[in-house]
Amino acid sequence: MALKAIDLGEESGSLADAVAGRLRELIHSGRWPPGFKLPTERQLIEQLEVSRSPLREALKMLESAGLIHAHVGRGRFVQGQLSAQASLSLVRTWLQAHRRDLEHLNQIRCAIEPAAVRLIPRAALPSLVEELRAGVEEAALACARGDAIRMSRLDRDFHATICEAASNPPMVAMAVGLIEATMPFGQRVYAIPEAARNSLADHTAITNALAAGDLRLARRLVERHHRLAFKVALTHRVEGEGEGEGDQPGTEDASRPTPAASGAAGTPYG
């Protein structure tokens, strides 16, 4: 089955994203059914007209999402059909096995990313917000179609964009490095529908806080976002369940004020 070559002019995101999206379409459409053996890397490189590096990155994305699996000496195969519950169980088993690494990385990001928000120059906020809103809109579409791979890449871009707006190059380098290190976890977290929806809601709230110029609220929301994502990913439990509902996403309380409530008509402060 010949494949159409990748044309980045028709795709959004990186070349690896485009390759992963093309292969994912073949799987979801049934053209590559469960048990189907994928063409060799050489064949895929020739047909898609890409180099080995983005192809391998794309294949790793599909493996992380549970769409394909590799057998040493035999090649890669499309994963057999699993029920939604079975798929979710596999994702959670992997996350629990890597819980300590995920927890350590999350703790560092909780410290660094809010600090990066503090250093964003106010003059940079309008262009930053415009870029973030475009990403959130695309993430909403990816969430609606259950595209965990694309959502994880957009999540990386969202946080990297915020950190890169900070006026501290060493901090930016450290933050972006941590974001890249958590990519394998993100691909699995976004396979959990509840976690994907919560993350999208949090990204929207963070963007709104920055649009209002409320850096203090944005910092608090970024920190809370990481804590909540970690909890939901590992326990499928939204923060606040059993503790009162005021701290759940989409609700407001004293610990999570809205931009309008943070100051008169969204008056900015840092």
C-alpha atoms as a PDB file:
ATOM      1  CA  MET A   1       0.000   0.000   0.000  1.00  0.00           C
ATOM      2  CA  ALA A   2       1.753   3.126  -1.234  1.00  0.00           C
ATOM      3  CA  LEU A   3       1.607   6.161   1.047  1.00  0.00           C
ATOM      4  CA  LYS A   4       1.366   9.794   0.063  1.00  0.00           C
ATOM      5  CA  ALA A   5       4.517  11.783   0.749  1.00  0.00           C
ATOM      6  CA  ILE A   6       4.388  14.218   3.681  1.00  0.00           C
ATOM      7  CA  ASP A   7       3.920  17.838   2.631  1.00  0.00           C
ATOM      8  CA  LEU A   8       4.514  20.203   5.551  1.00  0.00           C
ATOM      9  CA  GLY A   9       2.666  22.891   3.634  1.00  0.00           C
ATOM     10  CA  GLU A  10      -0.505  20.872   4.257  1.00  0.00           C
ATOM     11  CA  GLU A  11       0.290  19.986   7.857  1.00  0.00           C
ATOM     12  CA  SER A  12       0.536  21.816  11.194  1.00  0.00           C
ATOM     13  CA  GLY A  13       3.192  21.129  13.807  1.00  0.00           C
ATOM     14  CA  SER A  14       6.533  19.397  13.335  1.00  0.00           C
ATOM     15  CA  LEU A  15       7.471  16.823  10.714  1.00  0.00           C
ATOM     16  CA  ALA A  16       7.265  14.080  13.345  1.00  0.00           C
ATOM     17  CA  ASP A  17       3.736  15.256  14.230  1.00  0.00           C
ATOM     18  CA  ALA A  18       2.770  15.102  10.551  1.00  0.00           C
ATOM     19  CA  VAL A  19       4.143  11.574  10.152  1.00  0.00           C
ATOM     20  CA  ALA A  20       2.429  10.387  13.338  1.00  0.00           C
ATOM     21  CA  GLY A  21      -0.835  11.940  12.190  1.00  0.00           C
ATOM     22  CA  ARG A  22      -0.640  10.251   8.791  1.00  0.00           C
ATOM     23  CA  LEU A  23       0.050   6.815  10.289  1.00  0.00           C
ATOM     24  CA  ARG A  24      -2.612   7.305  12.960  1.00  0.00           C
ATOM     25  CA  GLU A  25      -5.188   8.044  10.239  1.00  0.00           C
ATOM     26  CA  LEU A  26      -4.331   4.741   8.549  1.00  0.00           C
ATOM     27  CA  ILE A  27      -4.936   2.897  11.808  1.00  0.00           C
ATOM     28  CA  HIS A  28      -8.148   4.682  12.781  1.00  0.00           C
ATOM     29  CA  SER A  29      -9.592   4.371   9.275  1.00  0.00           C
ATOM     30  CA  GLY A  30      -9.067   0.609   9.300  1.00  0.00           C
ATOM     31  CA  ARG A  31      -6.687   0.621   6.345  1.00  0.00           C
ATOM     32  CA  TRP A  32      -4.135  -0.719   8.806  1.00  0.00           C
ATOM     33  CA  PRO A  33      -6.288  -3.126  10.882  1.00  0.00           C
ATOM     34  CA  PRO A  34      -5.328  -4.727  14.213  1.00  0.00           C
ATOM     35  CA  GLY A  35      -2.439  -7.123  13.709  1.00  0.00           C
ATOM     36  CA  PHE A  36      -1.305  -5.415  10.502  1.00  0.00           C
ATOM     37  CA  LYS A  37       2.476  -5.420  10.111  1.00  0.00           C
ATOM     38  CA  LEU A  38       3.799  -1.940   9.363  1.00  0.00           C
ATOM     39  CA  PRO A  39       6.118  -1.413   6.407  1.00  0.00           C
ATOM     40  CA  THR A  40       9.796  -1.358   7.319  1.00  0.00           C
ATOM     41  CA  GLU A  41      11.440   1.909   8.313  1.00  0.00           C
ATOM     42  CA  ARG A  42      13.189   2.027   4.930  1.00  0.00           C
ATOM     43  CA  GLN A  43       9.880   1.610   3.110  1.00  0.00           C
ATOM     44  CA  LEU A  44       8.186   4.289   5.207  1.00  0.00           C
ATOM     45  CA  ILE A  45      11.096   6.680   4.665  1.00  0.00           C
ATOM     46  CA  GLU A  46      10.880   6.193   0.907  1.00  0.00           C
ATOM     47  CA  GLN A  47       7.092   6.448   0.681  1.00  0.00           C
ATOM     48  CA  LEU A  48       6.635   9.395   3.053  1.00  0.00           C
ATOM     49  CA  GLU A  49       9.821  11.092   1.798  1.00  0.00           C
ATOM     50  CA  VAL A  50      11.105  11.858   5.286  1.00  0.00           C
ATOM     51  CA  SER A  51      14.348  11.158   7.100  1.00  0.00           C
ATOM     52  CA  ARG A  52      14.858   8.454   9.713  1.00  0.00           C
ATOM     53  CA  SER A  53      14.830  10.791  12.738  1.00  0.00           C
ATOM     54  CA  PRO A  54      11.270  12.209  12.439  1.00  0.00           C
ATOM     55  CA  LEU A  55       9.972   8.793  11.396  1.00  0.00           C
ATOM     56  CA  ARG A  56      11.366   7.139  14.521  1.00  0.00           C
ATOM     57  CA  GLU A  57      10.020   9.941  16.704  1.00  0.00           C
ATOM     58  CA  ALA A  58       6.586   9.448  15.139  1.00  0.00           C
ATOM     59  CA  LEU A  59       6.719   5.689  15.689  1.00  0.00           C
ATOM     60  CA  LYS A  60       7.623   6.256  19.344  1.00  0.00           C
ATOM     61  CA  MET A  61       4.578   8.541  19.669  1.00  0.00           C
ATOM     62  CA  LEU A  62       2.318   5.801  18.304  1.00  0.00           C
ATOM     63  CA  GLU A  63       3.881   3.222  20.613  1.00  0.00           C
ATOM     64  CA  SER A  64       3.424   5.546  23.603  1.00  0.00           C
ATOM     65  CA  ALA A  65      -0.231   5.996  22.658  1.00  0.00           C
ATOM     66  CA  GLY A  66      -0.699   2.222  22.510  1.00  0.00           C
ATOM     67  CA  LEU A  67      -1.558   2.210  18.798  1.00  0.00           C
ATOM     68  CA  ILE A  68       1.336  -0.009  17.699  1.00  0.00           C
ATOM     69  CA  HIS A  69       3.740  -2.399  19.368  1.00  0.00           C
ATOM     70  CA  ALA A  70       7.148  -3.723  18.361  1.00  0.00           C
ATOM     71  CA  HIS A  71       8.381  -7.321  18.360  1.00  0.00           C
ATOM     72  CA  VAL A  72      12.155  -7.700  18.300  1.00  0.00           C
ATOM     73  CA  GLY A  73      13.197  -9.317  15.049  1.00  0.00           C
ATOM     74  CA  ARG A  74       9.671  -9.275  13.630  1.00  0.00           C
ATOM     75  CA  GLY A  75       8.808  -5.616  13.176  1.00  0.00           C
ATOM     76  CA  ARG A  76       6.001  -3.313  14.304  1.00  0.00           C
ATOM     77  CA  PHE A  77       2.332  -4.229  14.368  1.00  0.00           C
ATOM     78  CA  VAL A  78      -0.944  -2.412  14.861  1.00  0.00           C
ATOM     79  CA  GLN A  79      -2.206  -3.038  18.383  1.00  0.00           C
ATOM     80  CA  GLY A  80      -5.231  -5.325  18.672  1.00  0.00           C
ATOM     81  CA  GLN A  81      -8.543  -3.740  19.600  1.00  0.00           C
ATOM     82  CA  LEU A  82      -8.926  -3.055  23.307  1.00  0.00           C
ATOM     83  CA  SER A  83     -11.944  -1.832  25.179  1.00  0.00           C
ATOM     84  CA  ALA A  84     -11.787   1.742  26.429  1.00  0.00           C
ATOM     85  CA  GLN A  85     -11.479   0.416  29.982  1.00  0.00           C
ATOM     86  CA  ALA A  86      -8.651  -1.954  29.043  1.00  0.00           C
ATOM     87  CA  SER A  87      -6.789   0.821  27.228  1.00  0.00           C
ATOM     88  CA  LEU A  88      -7.173   3.129  30.203  1.00  0.00           C
ATOM     89  CA  SER A  89      -5.928   0.376  32.505  1.00  0.00           C
ATOM     90  CA  LEU A  90      -2.770  -0.062  30.425  1.00  0.00           C
ATOM     91  CA  VAL A  91      -2.097   3.670  30.518  1.00  0.00           C
ATOM     92  CA  ARG A  92      -2.537   3.826  34.292  1.00  0.00           C
ATOM     93  CA  THR A  93      -0.333   0.785  34.823  1.00  0.00           C
ATOM     94  CA  TRP A  94       2.471   2.493  32.885  1.00  0.00           C
ATOM     95  CA  LEU A  95       2.038   5.758  34.796  1.00  0.00           C
ATOM     96  CA  GLN A  96       2.060   3.953  38.152  1.00  0.00           C
ATOM     97  CA  ALA A  97       5.262   2.123  37.163  1.00  0.00           C
ATOM     98  CA  HIS A  98       6.883   5.501  36.440  1.00  0.00           C
ATOM     99  CA  ARG A  99       5.186   7.345  39.285  1.00  0.00           C
ATOM    100  CA  ARG A 100       8.378   8.382  41.093  1.00  0.00           C
ATOM    101  CA  ASP A 101      10.004   9.874  37.985  1.00  0.00           C
ATOM    102  CA  LEU A 102       6.805  11.693  37.080  1.00  0.00           C
ATOM    103  CA  GLU A 103       6.405  13.026  40.609  1.00  0.00           C
ATOM    104  CA  HIS A 104       9.978  14.346  40.734  1.00  0.00           C
ATOM    105  CA  LEU A 105       9.717  16.092  37.362  1.00  0.00           C
ATOM    106  CA  ASN A 106       6.340  17.522  38.312  1.00  0.00           C
ATOM    107  CA  GLN A 107       7.708  18.962  41.563  1.00  0.00           C
ATOM    108  CA  ILE A 108      10.460  20.786  39.698  1.00  0.00           C
ATOM    109  CA  ARG A 109       8.053  22.138  37.095  1.00  0.00           C
ATOM    110  CA  CYS A 110       5.751  23.371  39.873  1.00  0.00           C
ATOM    111  CA  ALA A 111       8.656  25.465  41.156  1.00  0.00           C
ATOM    112  CA  ILE A 112      10.151  26.719  37.877  1.00  0.00           C
ATOM    113  CA  GLU A 113       7.176  27.471  35.626  1.00  0.00           C
ATOM    114  CA  PRO A 114       5.360  29.810  38.045  1.00  0.00           C
ATOM    115  CA  ALA A 115       8.680  31.618  38.543  1.00  0.00           C
ATOM    116  CA  ALA A 116       8.977  32.006  34.766  1.00  0.00           C
ATOM    117  CA  VAL A 117       5.497  33.563  34.651  1.00  0.00           C
ATOM    118  CA  ARG A 118       6.636  36.160  37.185  1.00  0.00           C
ATOM    119  CA  LEU A 119       9.384  37.271  34.778  1.00  0.00           C
ATOM    120  CA  ILE A 120       7.191  37.771  31.703  1.00  0.00           C
ATOM    121  CA  PRO A 121       7.445  41.434  30.613  1.00  0.00           C
ATOM    122  CA  ARG A 122       4.022  43.047  30.474  1.00  0.00           C
ATOM    123  CA  ALA A 123       4.778  44.382  27.019  1.00  0.00           C
ATOM    124  CA  ALA A 124       5.013  40.775  25.819  1.00  0.00           C
ATOM    125  CA  LEU A 125       1.573  39.740  27.090  1.00  0.00           C
ATOM    126  CA  PRO A 126      -0.581  40.685  24.044  1.00  0.00           C
ATOM    127  CA  SER A 127       1.446  38.647  21.550  1.00  0.00           C
ATOM    128  CA  LEU A 128       1.873  35.824  24.082  1.00  0.00           C
ATOM    129  CA  VAL A 129      -1.873  35.602  24.699  1.00  0.00           C
ATOM    130  CA  GLU A 130      -2.602  35.597  20.969  1.00  0.00           C
ATOM    131  CA  GLU A 131      -0.233  32.665  20.456  1.00  0.00           C
ATOM    132  CA  LEU A 132      -1.617  30.762  23.442  1.00  0.00           C
ATOM    133  CA  ARG A 133      -5.226  31.230  22.338  1.00  0.00           C
ATOM    134  CA  ALA A 134      -4.430  29.783  18.904  1.00  0.00           C
ATOM    135  CA  GLY A 135      -2.877  26.737  20.559  1.00  0.00           C
ATOM    136  CA  VAL A 136      -5.808  26.278  22.957  1.00  0.00           C
ATOM    137  CA  GLU A 137      -8.265  26.391  20.053  1.00  0.00           C
ATOM    138  CA  GLU A 138      -6.317  23.706  18.210  1.00  0.00           C
ATOM    139  CA  ALA A 139      -6.092  21.647  21.416  1.00  0.00           C
ATOM    140  CA  ALA A 140      -9.889  21.804  21.783  1.00  0.00           C
ATOM    141  CA  LEU A 141     -10.264  20.268  18.329  1.00  0.00           C
ATOM    142  CA  ALA A 142      -7.689  17.569  19.143  1.00  0.00           C
ATOM    143  CA  CYS A 143      -9.489  16.830  22.422  1.00  0.00           C
ATOM    144  CA  ALA A 144     -12.826  16.507  20.622  1.00  0.00           C
ATOM    145  CA  ARG A 145     -11.419  13.849  18.290  1.00  0.00           C
ATOM    146  CA  GLY A 146      -9.488  12.084  21.062  1.00  0.00           C
ATOM    147  CA  ASP A 147      -6.071  12.797  19.567  1.00  0.00           C
ATOM    148  CA  ALA A 148      -3.824  12.259  22.593  1.00  0.00           C
ATOM    149  CA  ILE A 149      -0.619  12.553  20.588  1.00  0.00           C
ATOM    150  CA  ARG A 150      -1.464  15.964  19.156  1.00  0.00           C
ATOM    151  CA  MET A 151      -2.735  17.204  22.518  1.00  0.00           C
ATOM    152  CA  SER A 152       0.500  16.212  24.226  1.00  0.00           C
ATOM    153  CA  ARG A 153       2.518  18.138  21.615  1.00  0.00           C
ATOM    154  CA  LEU A 154       0.261  21.179  21.995  1.00  0.00           C
ATOM    155  CA  ASP A 155       0.623  20.911  25.773  1.00  0.00           C
ATOM    156  CA  ARG A 156       4.388  21.023  25.366  1.00  0.00           C
ATOM    157  CA  ASP A 157       4.090  24.047  23.075  1.00  0.00           C
ATOM    158  CA  PHE A 158       1.728  25.825  25.496  1.00  0.00           C
ATOM    159  CA  HIS A 159       4.080  25.565  28.462  1.00  0.00           C
ATOM    160  CA  ALA A 160       7.223  26.171  26.418  1.00  0.00           C
ATOM    161  CA  THR A 161       5.678  29.330  24.920  1.00  0.00           C
ATOM    162  CA  ILE A 162       4.912  30.708  28.377  1.00  0.00           C
ATOM    163  CA  CYS A 163       8.398  29.937  29.686  1.00  0.00           C
ATOM    164  CA  GLU A 164      10.121  31.340  26.601  1.00  0.00           C
ATOM    165  CA  ALA A 165       8.392  34.679  27.235  1.00  0.00           C
ATOM    166  CA  ALA A 166      10.299  35.028  30.525  1.00  0.00           C
ATOM    167  CA  SER A 167      13.241  37.422  30.574  1.00  0.00           C
ATOM    168  CA  ASN A 168      15.716  34.885  31.977  1.00  0.00           C
ATOM    169  CA  PRO A 169      17.480  32.702  29.356  1.00  0.00           C
ATOM    170  CA  PRO A 170      18.967  30.151  31.817  1.00  0.00           C
ATOM    171  CA  MET A 171      15.562  29.629  33.444  1.00  0.00           C
ATOM    172  CA  VAL A 172      13.957  29.281  30.035  1.00  0.00           C
ATOM    173  CA  ALA A 173      16.499  26.631  29.029  1.00  0.00           C
ATOM    174  CA  MET A 174      15.897  24.692  32.249  1.00  0.00           C
ATOM    175  CA  ALA A 175      12.109  24.926  31.976  1.00  0.00           C
ATOM    176  CA  VAL A 176      11.992  23.864  28.342  1.00  0.00           C
ATOM    177  CA  GLY A 177      14.327  20.960  29.097  1.00  0.00           C
ATOM    178  CA  LEU A 178      11.986  19.750  31.831  1.00  0.00           C
ATOM    179  CA  ILE A 179       8.989  20.105  29.531  1.00  0.00           C
ATOM    180  CA  GLU A 180      10.712  17.961  26.909  1.00  0.00           C
ATOM    181  CA  ALA A 181      11.624  15.385  29.575  1.00  0.00           C
ATOM    182  CA  THR A 182       7.958  14.934  30.510  1.00  0.00           C
ATOM    183  CA  MET A 183       6.766  14.342  26.911  1.00  0.00           C
ATOM    184  CA  PRO A 184       6.560  10.520  27.276  1.00  0.00           C
ATOM    185  CA  PHE A 185       4.320  11.004  30.314  1.00  0.00           C
ATOM    186  CA  GLY A 186       2.186  13.611  28.552  1.00  0.00           C
ATOM    187  CA  GLN A 187       1.324  11.278  25.695  1.00  0.00           C
ATOM    188  CA  ARG A 188      -0.086   8.772  28.170  1.00  0.00           C
ATOM    189  CA  VAL A 189      -1.797  11.348  30.396  1.00  0.00           C
ATOM    190  CA  TYR A 190      -3.680  12.762  27.422  1.00  0.00           C
ATOM    191  CA  ALA A 191      -4.943   9.269  26.614  1.00  0.00           C
ATOM    192  CA  ILE A 192      -7.112   9.667  29.737  1.00  0.00           C
ATOM    193  CA  PRO A 193     -10.189  11.645  28.581  1.00  0.00           C
ATOM    194  CA  GLU A 194     -10.793  13.270  31.960  1.00  0.00           C
ATOM    195  CA  ALA A 195      -7.177  14.419  32.209  1.00  0.00           C
ATOM    196  CA  ALA A 196      -7.322  15.828  28.667  1.00  0.00           C
ATOM    197  CA  ARG A 197     -10.491  17.813  29.383  1.00  0.00           C
ATOM    198  CA  ASN A 198      -9.155  19.141  32.684  1.00  0.00           C
ATOM    199  CA  SER A 199      -5.881  20.215  31.093  1.00  0.00           C
ATOM    200  CA  LEU A 200      -7.702  22.057  28.325  1.00  0.00           C
ATOM    201  CA  ALA A 201      -9.835  23.887  30.894  1.00  0.00           C
ATOM    202  CA  ASP A 202      -6.726  24.825  32.882  1.00  0.00           C
ATOM    203  CA  HIS A 203      -4.905  26.108  29.793  1.00  0.00           C
ATOM    204  CA  THR A 204      -7.919  28.271  29.001  1.00  0.00           C
ATOM    205  CA  ALA A 205      -7.968  29.696  32.526  1.00  0.00           C
ATOM    206  CA  ILE A 206      -4.218  30.412  32.467  1.00  0.00           C
ATOM    207  CA  THR A 207      -4.554  32.165  29.107  1.00  0.00           C
ATOM    208  CA  ASN A 208      -7.455  34.265  30.405  1.00  0.00           C
ATOM    209  CA  ALA A 209      -5.449  35.303  33.460  1.00  0.00           C
ATOM    210  CA  LEU A 210      -2.553  36.410  31.268  1.00  0.00           C
ATOM    211  CA  ALA A 211      -4.978  38.266  28.974  1.00  0.00           C
ATOM    212  CA  ALA A 212      -6.195  40.180  32.025  1.00  0.00           C
ATOM    213  CA  GLY A 213      -2.598  40.973  32.971  1.00  0.00           C
ATOM    214  CA  ASP A 214      -3.019  39.071  36.234  1.00  0.00           C
ATOM    215  CA  LEU A 215       0.386  37.430  36.565  1.00  0.00           C
ATOM    216  CA  ARG A 216      -0.179  36.477  40.183  1.00  0.00           C
ATOM    217  CA  LEU A 217      -3.278  34.483  39.300  1.00  0.00           C
ATOM    218  CA  ALA A 218      -1.533  32.965  36.278  1.00  0.00           C
ATOM    219  CA  ARG A 219       1.292  31.728  38.519  1.00  0.00           C
ATOM    220  CA  ARG A 220      -1.174  30.119  40.921  1.00  0.00           C
ATOM    221  CA  LEU A 221      -3.093  28.482  38.089  1.00  0.00           C
ATOM    222  CA  VAL A 222       0.092  27.081  36.514  1.00  0.00           C
ATOM    223  CA  GLU A 223       1.148  25.517  39.812  1.00  0.00           C
ATOM    224  CA  ARG A 224      -2.341  24.159  40.469  1.00  0.00           C
ATOM    225  CA  HIS A 225      -2.522  22.820  36.917  1.00  0.00           C
ATOM    226  CA  HIS A 226       0.547  20.634  37.461  1.00  0.00           C
ATOM    227  CA  ARG A 227      -0.673  19.349  40.823  1.00  0.00           C
ATOM    228  CA  LEU A 228      -4.105  18.509  39.437  1.00  0.00           C
ATOM    229  CA  ALA A 229      -2.806  16.850  36.255  1.00  0.00           C
ATOM    230  CA  PHE A 230      -0.526  14.609  38.340  1.00  0.00           C
ATOM    231  CA  LYS A 231      -3.389  13.573  40.639  1.00  0.00           C
ATOM    232  CA  VAL A 232      -5.907  12.906  37.876  1.00  0.00           C
ATOM    233  CA  ALA A 233      -3.379  10.955  35.807  1.00  0.00           C
ATOM    234  CA  LEU A 234      -2.520   8.590  38.639  1.00  0.00           C
ATOM    235  CA  THR A 235      -5.845   8.251  40.426  1.00  0.00           C
ATOM    236  CA  HIS A 236      -8.532   9.330  37.934  1.00  0.00           C
ATOM    237  CA  ARG A 237      -9.725  11.570  40.715  1.00  0.00           C
ATOM    238  CA  VAL A 238     -10.333  15.274  40.309  1.00  0.00           C
ATOM    239  CA  GLU A 239      -8.843  17.382  43.070  1.00  0.00           C
ATOM    240  CA  GLY A 240     -11.575  18.292  45.505  1.00  0.00           C
ATOM    241  CA  GLU A 241     -13.561  15.047  45.324  1.00  0.00           C
ATOM    242  CA  GLY A 242     -14.324  14.093  48.872  1.00  0.00           C
ATOM    243  CA  GLU A 243     -12.936  17.464  49.985  1.00  0.00           C
ATOM    244  CA  GLY A 244     -15.728  19.726  48.794  1.00  0.00           C
ATOM    245  CA  GLU A 245     -16.330  20.781  45.221  1.00  0.00           C
ATOM    246  CA  GLY A 246     -15.018  24.322  45.309  1.00  0.00           C
ATOM    247  CA  ASP A 247     -11.556  23.386  44.020  1.00  0.00           C
ATOM    248  CA  GLN A 248     -12.619  21.432  40.970  1.00  0.00           C
ATOM    249  CA  PRO A 249     -12.005  22.720  37.467  1.00  0.00           C
ATOM    250  CA  GLY A 250     -14.764  24.954  36.234  1.00  0.00           C
ATOM    251  CA  THR A 251     -15.718  26.069  39.751  1.00  0.00           C
ATOM    252  CA  GLU A 252     -14.445  29.052  41.638  1.00  0.00           C
ATOM    253  CA  ASP A 253     -13.531  29.604  45.260  1.00  0.00           C
ATOM    254  CA  ALA A 254     -11.215  31.786  47.285  1.00  0.00           C
ATOM    255  CA  SER A 255      -8.220  29.658  46.281  1.00  0.00           C
ATOM    256  CA  ARG A 256      -8.887  30.088  42.586  1.00  0.00           C
ATOM    257  CA  PRO A 257     -10.163  33.594  41.872  1.00  0.00           C
ATOM    258  CA  THR A 258     -11.213  34.685  38.423  1.00  0.00           C
ATOM    259  CA  PRO A 259      -9.299  37.444  36.637  1.00  0.00           C
ATOM    260  CA  ALA A 260     -12.254  39.754  37.105  1.00  0.00           C
ATOM    261  CA  ALA A 261     -12.262  39.062  40.817  1.00  0.00           C
ATOM    262  CA  SER A 262      -8.526  39.607  41.129  1.00  0.00           C
ATOM    263  CA  GLY A 263      -8.743  43.311  40.617  1.00  0.00           C
ATOM    264  CA  ALA A 264     -11.157  45.929  39.384  1.00  0.00           C
ATOM    265  CA  ALA A 265     -12.178  44.944  35.835  1.00  0.00           C
ATOM    266  CA  GLY A 266      -9.209  42.590  35.626  1.00  0.00           C
ATOM    267  CA  THR A 267      -6.728  45.195  36.840  1.00  0.00           C
ATOM    268  CA  PRO A 268      -3.259  43.676  36.237  1.00  0.00           C
ATOM    269  CA  TYR A 269      -0.794  43.106  38.986  1.00  0.00           C
ATOM    270  CA  GLY A 270       2.237  40.852  39.355  1.00  0.00           C
END
